[in-house]
Amino acid sequence: LLGMLVAGFLLGNVPYVGEHVGRKVDAAWSSAVRLGALVLILCRAGLAIDLAALRRLRFVVARLAVMPCLAEATTVAALAAWLLEFPAAWSCMLGFVVAAISPAVVVPSLLSLQEGGYGVSTGIPTMVVAAAPLDDVLSIAGFGISLGLGSVGFRDGGQDVLTYARAPLEVVL
């Protein structure tokens, strides 16, 4: 993971290489490759989930996805509002961006631990692998809601009722 990060940095920032290789990559292809990598990681996670353990720990998975995400987002939002003097909606957007976890980091690590037999009897790898995408969904929904509420003031000076109605719909859908 660190090697890929360093390679991307070098391809984008080294003077000759960045101009002739890094900036020549089409944005659509780059996006498609990143999306494909995410799909592959989530498919590996789905194949490694133990359904019996997931049924047994379903409420723990929900708490593991929701509580840390909301705690981190709230803490970062409060600090951003206090230290950076951001408006409330912008603070919440920053909070949800920081609170999102990366399945690219969590899933391969837990799958290797699961292959080694660590935590399998208690269902810990299944629980964390199932909670990671849910945490991301909650972060994306929270960011979308915050973005909608933050941009209400920029639309014709009025309050858009559909923007406020979007919040529960974003979480449900």
Protein backbone atom coordinates (compact mmCIF):
# COMPACT_ATOMS: atom_id res chain seq x y z
CA LEU A 1 0.00 0.00 0.00
CA LEU A 2 2.81 2.39 0.85
CA GLY A 3 4.64 1.42 -2.34
CA MET A 4 1.59 2.27 -4.44
CA LEU A 5 1.27 5.62 -2.69
CA VAL A 6 4.93 6.46 -3.32
CA ALA A 7 4.68 5.33 -6.97
CA GLY A 8 1.64 7.55 -7.51
CA PHE A 9 3.41 10.48 -5.91
CA LEU A 10 6.48 9.97 -8.09
CA LEU A 11 4.44 9.55 -11.29
CA GLY A 12 2.65 12.80 -10.60
CA ASN A 13 5.45 14.97 -9.22
CA VAL A 14 8.86 13.98 -10.60
CA PRO A 15 9.60 16.60 -13.29
CA TYR A 16 10.24 14.48 -16.41
CA VAL A 17 8.21 11.42 -15.41
CA GLY A 18 5.24 13.47 -14.20
CA GLU A 19 4.96 15.39 -17.45
CA HIS A 20 5.35 12.41 -19.78
CA VAL A 21 3.64 9.66 -17.79
CA GLY A 22 1.65 10.91 -14.80
CA ARG A 23 -0.32 13.67 -16.48
CA LYS A 24 -0.98 11.58 -19.59
CA VAL A 25 -3.27 9.19 -17.72
CA ASP A 26 -6.88 9.77 -18.73
CA ALA A 27 -9.09 10.71 -15.76
CA ALA A 28 -11.87 8.37 -16.90
CA TRP A 29 -9.47 5.41 -17.02
CA SER A 30 -8.02 6.31 -13.65
CA SER A 31 -11.49 6.46 -12.14
CA ALA A 32 -12.46 3.13 -13.73
CA VAL A 33 -9.34 1.41 -12.42
CA ARG A 34 -9.91 2.75 -8.90
CA LEU A 35 -13.56 1.65 -9.00
CA GLY A 36 -12.53 -1.79 -10.22
CA ALA A 37 -10.03 -2.12 -7.38
CA LEU A 38 -12.70 -1.18 -4.85
CA VAL A 39 -15.13 -3.71 -6.33
CA LEU A 40 -12.45 -6.41 -6.17
CA ILE A 41 -11.67 -5.62 -2.53
CA LEU A 42 -15.35 -5.64 -1.54
CA CYS A 43 -15.94 -8.91 -3.42
CA ARG A 44 -13.05 -10.50 -1.52
CA ALA A 45 -14.60 -9.19 1.70
CA GLY A 46 -18.01 -10.57 0.80
CA LEU A 47 -16.60 -14.00 0.01
CA ALA A 48 -14.79 -14.12 3.36
CA ILE A 49 -17.85 -13.32 5.48
CA ASP A 50 -19.14 -16.14 7.67
CA LEU A 51 -22.94 -15.89 7.50
CA ALA A 52 -23.54 -17.69 10.79
CA ALA A 53 -21.23 -15.28 12.61
CA LEU A 54 -22.81 -12.32 10.80
CA ARG A 55 -26.31 -13.37 11.89
CA ARG A 56 -25.11 -13.84 15.43
CA LEU A 57 -23.32 -10.47 15.53
CA ARG A 58 -25.65 -8.35 13.36
CA PHE A 59 -26.39 -5.77 16.07
CA VAL A 60 -22.73 -5.56 17.03
CA VAL A 61 -21.87 -4.94 13.36
CA ALA A 62 -24.41 -2.11 13.22
CA ARG A 63 -23.00 -0.54 16.39
CA LEU A 64 -19.43 -0.98 15.14
CA ALA A 65 -20.32 0.80 11.91
CA VAL A 66 -22.42 3.63 13.34
CA MET A 67 -20.94 4.61 16.69
CA PRO A 68 -17.28 5.19 15.73
CA CYS A 69 -18.28 6.98 12.52
CA LEU A 70 -20.61 9.37 14.31
CA ALA A 71 -18.18 9.90 17.20
CA GLU A 72 -15.30 10.73 14.85
CA ALA A 73 -17.46 12.96 12.64
CA THR A 74 -18.83 14.82 15.65
CA THR A 75 -15.40 15.32 17.19
CA VAL A 76 -13.84 16.56 13.96
CA ALA A 77 -16.86 18.78 13.23
CA ALA A 78 -16.70 20.34 16.70
CA LEU A 79 -12.95 20.94 16.40
CA ALA A 80 -13.34 22.39 12.89
CA ALA A 81 -16.06 24.75 14.05
CA TRP A 82 -14.05 25.80 17.10
CA LEU A 83 -10.49 25.95 15.76
CA LEU A 84 -11.04 26.73 12.09
CA GLU A 85 -14.28 28.71 12.56
CA PHE A 86 -16.05 26.74 9.84
CA PRO A 87 -19.84 27.00 9.47
CA ALA A 88 -21.72 24.06 10.97
CA ALA A 89 -22.51 22.33 7.66
CA TRP A 90 -18.92 22.65 6.43
CA SER A 91 -17.65 21.31 9.76
CA CYS A 92 -19.93 18.31 9.41
CA MET A 93 -18.73 17.70 5.85
CA LEU A 94 -15.13 17.70 7.06
CA GLY A 95 -16.08 15.40 9.93
CA PHE A 96 -17.65 12.81 7.63
CA VAL A 97 -14.72 12.96 5.21
CA VAL A 98 -12.27 12.25 8.02
CA ALA A 99 -14.52 9.59 9.62
CA ALA A 100 -14.68 7.41 6.49
CA ILE A 101 -12.46 4.36 6.70
CA SER A 102 -10.70 2.76 3.77
CA PRO A 103 -11.77 -0.79 2.94
CA ALA A 104 -8.55 -1.04 0.91
CA VAL A 105 -6.64 -0.96 4.19
CA VAL A 106 -9.01 -2.81 6.53
CA VAL A 107 -10.20 -5.72 4.38
CA PRO A 108 -6.85 -7.20 3.22
CA SER A 109 -5.43 -6.92 6.74
CA LEU A 110 -8.37 -8.71 8.28
CA LEU A 111 -8.46 -11.36 5.57
CA SER A 112 -4.82 -12.20 6.25
CA LEU A 113 -5.55 -12.42 9.98
CA GLN A 114 -8.58 -14.60 9.24
CA GLU A 115 -6.45 -16.94 7.11
CA GLY A 116 -4.09 -17.23 10.06
CA GLY A 117 -7.02 -18.24 12.25
CA TYR A 118 -7.01 -15.16 14.47
CA GLY A 119 -10.45 -14.27 15.84
CA VAL A 120 -12.31 -16.71 13.62
CA SER A 121 -14.00 -18.54 16.50
CA THR A 122 -15.45 -15.29 17.85
CA GLY A 123 -16.33 -13.86 14.42
CA ILE A 124 -14.18 -10.74 14.73
CA PRO A 125 -12.94 -10.69 11.10
CA THR A 126 -16.49 -11.12 9.79
CA MET A 127 -17.75 -8.40 12.08
CA VAL A 128 -15.13 -5.84 11.07
CA VAL A 129 -15.23 -6.72 7.36
CA ALA A 130 -19.03 -6.30 7.36
CA ALA A 131 -18.89 -3.04 9.36
CA ALA A 132 -16.27 -1.33 7.17
CA PRO A 133 -18.50 -0.79 4.09
CA LEU A 134 -21.43 0.22 6.30
CA ASP A 135 -19.22 2.83 7.92
CA ASP A 136 -18.38 4.18 4.47
CA VAL A 137 -22.04 4.28 3.46
CA LEU A 138 -22.86 6.25 6.61
CA SER A 139 -19.98 8.65 5.94
CA ILE A 140 -21.10 9.19 2.34
CA ALA A 141 -24.70 9.76 3.44
CA GLY A 142 -23.62 12.16 6.18
CA PHE A 143 -21.44 14.07 3.75
CA GLY A 144 -24.28 14.29 1.21
CA ILE A 145 -26.72 15.51 3.84
CA SER A 146 -24.22 18.09 5.11
CA LEU A 147 -23.47 19.22 1.57
CA GLY A 148 -27.18 19.64 0.86
CA LEU A 149 -27.75 21.60 4.06
CA GLY A 150 -24.63 23.70 3.48
CA SER A 151 -25.66 24.68 -0.02
CA VAL A 152 -29.27 25.63 0.84
CA GLY A 153 -28.28 29.22 1.54
CA PHE A 154 -26.82 29.60 -1.95
CA ARG A 155 -30.05 28.77 -3.80
CA ASP A 156 -32.21 31.81 -4.48
CA GLY A 157 -31.89 32.86 -0.85
CA GLY A 158 -34.71 30.49 0.17
CA GLN A 159 -34.98 27.33 2.19
CA ASP A 160 -35.47 24.27 0.03
CA VAL A 161 -37.84 21.82 1.71
CA LEU A 162 -36.61 18.94 -0.45
CA THR A 163 -33.11 19.42 0.90
CA TYR A 164 -34.33 18.85 4.44
CA ALA A 165 -36.45 15.90 3.34
CA ARG A 166 -33.38 14.41 1.66
CA ALA A 167 -31.71 13.63 5.01
CA PRO A 168 -33.96 10.71 6.03
CA LEU A 169 -34.16 9.48 2.45
CA GLU A 170 -30.35 9.47 2.15
CA VAL A 171 -30.02 7.21 5.20
CA VAL A 172 -32.84 4.84 4.17
CA LEU A 173 -31.86 4.48 0.54
